[in-house]
Amino acid sequence: MANLRDDAFWEAPMQEPLAPRQGRRSRGRNRPATREERLETRGRARALQALYAADLRDLGQIKRIATTVFDDLAIDPAERLFASRIVATVADRGAALDAALSDVTANWRLERLGAIERSVLRLAAAELAREETPVKVVLQEAVRLAERYGTERSARFVNGVLDAYARRLGRL
């Protein structure tokens, strides 16, 4: 695996997304609980941590900050790869994603939102832009992240914004 500090890592073409394997069913759910699913969920949480840190420090240095966060947390290489794809999308398309999110948060300027909400929205917008994950999964995971790292109110807000954003993209 290429080094995250190497620009070639961030510039390299993205690999194919992990294909879910059929696994055992988890209790209380009607869908398989696969290792890849858990990996992607953990990867989103790691991407959120990097986006949050960059939001508080300097979004212009997002790749460097993400590398530091990933190194400090010593995360699994597969999680790191998944998270770095999301971070790279935010780094490459950040201004366009922020502008599109600002359009659907008509009564709220993005700068006025809390750092968690802003970071979750950026993460989800980046993942939607990549078009590798079903829209409903992106929305559900974003709401879970907002609830876990923010509040229930944050989760409702993120849900509303992302629903409007996905509809505007014509994906819902």
Protein backbone atom coordinates (compact mmCIF):
# COMPACT_ATOMS: atom_id res chain seq x y z
CA MET A 1 0.00 0.00 0.00
CA ALA A 2 1.31 3.44 -0.88
CA ASN A 3 2.22 5.84 1.89
CA LEU A 4 -0.41 8.47 2.72
CA ARG A 5 2.32 11.10 2.94
CA ASP A 6 3.20 10.46 -0.69
CA ASP A 7 1.31 12.68 -3.15
CA ALA A 8 1.11 9.69 -5.49
CA PHE A 9 -1.24 8.01 -2.99
CA TRP A 10 -3.73 10.89 -3.16
CA GLU A 11 -3.38 11.28 -6.93
CA ALA A 12 -3.61 7.56 -7.78
CA PRO A 13 -6.79 6.20 -9.34
CA MET A 14 -9.24 4.81 -6.85
CA GLN A 15 -9.60 1.07 -6.50
CA GLU A 16 -12.90 -0.67 -6.91
CA PRO A 17 -15.10 -0.56 -3.79
CA LEU A 18 -15.18 -3.64 -1.64
CA ALA A 19 -17.92 -6.06 -2.63
CA PRO A 20 -19.95 -7.23 0.35
CA ARG A 21 -19.71 -10.90 1.21
CA GLN A 22 -22.65 -12.88 2.39
CA GLY A 23 -22.23 -13.53 6.08
CA ARG A 24 -24.21 -14.41 9.15
CA ARG A 25 -27.27 -12.39 9.95
CA SER A 26 -27.09 -10.07 12.89
CA ARG A 27 -29.68 -10.13 15.62
CA GLY A 28 -32.73 -8.00 14.99
CA ARG A 29 -31.88 -7.08 11.39
CA ASN A 30 -32.96 -8.49 8.07
CA ARG A 31 -29.65 -7.93 6.30
CA PRO A 32 -26.33 -9.71 6.56
CA ALA A 33 -23.71 -8.26 8.89
CA THR A 34 -20.62 -8.51 6.74
CA ARG A 35 -17.05 -7.64 7.57
CA GLU A 36 -16.96 -5.15 4.68
CA GLU A 37 -20.03 -3.39 5.98
CA ARG A 38 -18.45 -2.95 9.37
CA LEU A 39 -15.22 -1.85 7.72
CA GLU A 40 -17.05 0.83 5.73
CA THR A 41 -18.90 2.03 8.81
CA ARG A 42 -15.62 2.28 10.72
CA GLY A 43 -13.99 3.94 7.72
CA ARG A 44 -16.69 6.61 7.67
CA ALA A 45 -16.10 7.29 11.37
CA ARG A 46 -12.36 7.65 10.70
CA ALA A 47 -13.03 9.98 7.77
CA LEU A 48 -15.31 12.03 10.02
CA GLN A 49 -12.56 12.30 12.64
CA ALA A 50 -10.14 13.58 9.99
CA LEU A 51 -12.68 16.01 8.52
CA TYR A 52 -13.53 17.32 11.97
CA ALA A 53 -9.86 17.86 12.82
CA ALA A 54 -9.29 19.63 9.49
CA ASP A 55 -12.38 21.77 10.01
CA LEU A 56 -11.03 22.94 13.35
CA ARG A 57 -7.50 23.51 12.04
CA ASP A 58 -7.20 24.22 8.32
CA LEU A 59 -9.28 22.65 5.54
CA GLY A 60 -6.55 23.59 3.09
CA GLN A 61 -4.32 21.01 4.78
CA ILE A 62 -6.95 18.29 4.91
CA LYS A 63 -4.77 15.52 3.44
CA ARG A 64 -1.91 16.24 5.81
CA ILE A 65 -4.24 16.43 8.80
CA ALA A 66 -5.97 13.19 7.74
CA THR A 67 -2.60 11.47 7.51
CA THR A 68 -1.71 12.63 11.01
CA VAL A 69 -5.08 11.53 12.41
CA PHE A 70 -4.85 8.12 10.73
CA ASP A 71 -1.27 7.66 11.97
CA ASP A 72 -2.18 8.71 15.51
CA LEU A 73 -5.11 6.30 15.60
CA ALA A 74 -3.11 3.50 13.94
CA ILE A 75 -6.16 2.40 12.03
CA ASP A 76 -6.46 -0.76 9.97
CA PRO A 77 -5.10 -0.34 6.38
CA ALA A 78 -8.45 -1.24 4.79
CA GLU A 79 -10.30 1.29 6.96
CA ARG A 80 -7.61 3.83 6.17
CA LEU A 81 -8.02 3.29 2.44
CA PHE A 82 -11.80 3.66 2.60
CA ALA A 83 -11.57 6.79 4.77
CA SER A 84 -8.84 8.31 2.60
CA ARG A 85 -11.07 8.03 -0.48
CA ILE A 86 -13.73 10.13 1.21
CA VAL A 87 -11.16 12.62 2.49
CA ALA A 88 -9.60 12.89 -0.99
CA THR A 89 -13.00 13.62 -2.50
CA VAL A 90 -13.60 16.39 0.04
CA ALA A 91 -10.11 17.77 -0.64
CA ASP A 92 -10.61 17.72 -4.41
CA ARG A 93 -14.23 18.90 -4.57
CA GLY A 94 -14.62 20.69 -1.24
CA ALA A 95 -15.62 24.09 -2.56
CA ALA A 96 -18.24 22.63 -4.92
CA LEU A 97 -19.61 20.34 -2.20
CA ASP A 98 -19.83 23.22 0.28
CA ALA A 99 -21.60 25.41 -2.30
CA ALA A 100 -24.12 22.66 -3.06
CA LEU A 101 -24.73 22.03 0.64
CA SER A 102 -25.16 25.78 1.23
CA ASP A 103 -27.86 25.83 -1.43
CA VAL A 104 -29.98 23.32 0.50
CA THR A 105 -29.32 24.88 3.91
CA ALA A 106 -31.09 28.06 2.86
CA ASN A 107 -31.72 29.32 6.38
CA TRP A 108 -28.30 28.32 7.66
CA ARG A 109 -24.89 29.33 6.40
CA LEU A 110 -22.51 26.39 6.47
CA GLU A 111 -20.12 28.39 8.66
CA ARG A 112 -22.81 28.76 11.33
CA LEU A 113 -23.28 25.02 11.72
CA GLY A 114 -21.43 23.05 14.35
CA ALA A 115 -18.19 21.40 13.26
CA ILE A 116 -19.67 17.91 13.65
CA GLU A 117 -22.71 18.66 11.52
CA ARG A 118 -20.59 20.40 8.89
CA SER A 119 -18.14 17.50 8.79
CA VAL A 120 -20.90 14.86 8.55
CA LEU A 121 -22.55 16.80 5.72
CA ARG A 122 -19.26 17.07 3.84
CA LEU A 123 -18.57 13.37 4.34
CA ALA A 124 -21.99 12.36 3.03
CA ALA A 125 -21.84 14.81 0.11
CA ALA A 126 -18.43 13.42 -0.86
CA GLU A 127 -19.69 9.86 -0.66
CA LEU A 128 -22.73 10.75 -2.76
CA ALA A 129 -20.43 12.41 -5.31
CA ARG A 130 -18.41 9.19 -5.57
CA GLU A 131 -21.61 7.28 -6.49
CA GLU A 132 -20.28 3.99 -5.12
CA THR A 133 -22.67 3.53 -2.21
CA PRO A 134 -26.48 3.47 -2.36
CA VAL A 135 -27.98 6.83 -1.42
CA LYS A 136 -30.07 5.44 1.43
CA VAL A 137 -27.01 3.83 2.99
CA VAL A 138 -25.08 7.12 2.82
CA LEU A 139 -27.97 8.98 4.45
CA GLN A 140 -28.49 6.36 7.15
CA GLU A 141 -24.78 6.22 8.02
CA ALA A 142 -24.52 10.02 8.10
CA VAL A 143 -27.48 10.25 10.46
CA ARG A 144 -25.92 7.61 12.72
CA LEU A 145 -22.62 9.50 12.78
CA ALA A 146 -24.38 12.77 13.57
CA GLU A 147 -26.28 11.12 16.40
CA ARG A 148 -23.21 9.34 17.75
CA TYR A 149 -20.83 12.30 17.67
CA GLY A 150 -23.39 15.08 17.93
CA THR A 151 -26.91 15.00 19.29
CA GLU A 152 -30.29 13.65 18.31
CA ARG A 153 -31.09 17.15 17.08
CA SER A 154 -27.94 17.07 14.94
CA ALA A 155 -29.09 13.79 13.43
CA ARG A 156 -32.51 15.22 12.50
CA PHE A 157 -30.89 18.29 10.95
CA VAL A 158 -28.38 16.20 8.95
CA ASN A 159 -31.19 13.92 7.78
CA GLY A 160 -33.24 16.86 6.51
CA VAL A 161 -30.33 18.53 4.74
CA LEU A 162 -29.07 15.36 3.11
CA ASP A 163 -32.56 14.34 2.02
CA ALA A 164 -32.95 17.72 0.28
CA TYR A 165 -29.44 17.45 -1.15
CA ALA A 166 -30.04 13.96 -2.58
CA ARG A 167 -33.37 15.07 -4.05
CA ARG A 168 -31.68 18.07 -5.66
CA LEU A 169 -29.10 15.70 -7.18
CA GLY A 170 -32.00 13.57 -8.48
CA ARG A 171 -30.81 10.55 -6.53
CA LEU A 172 -33.94 10.09 -4.37
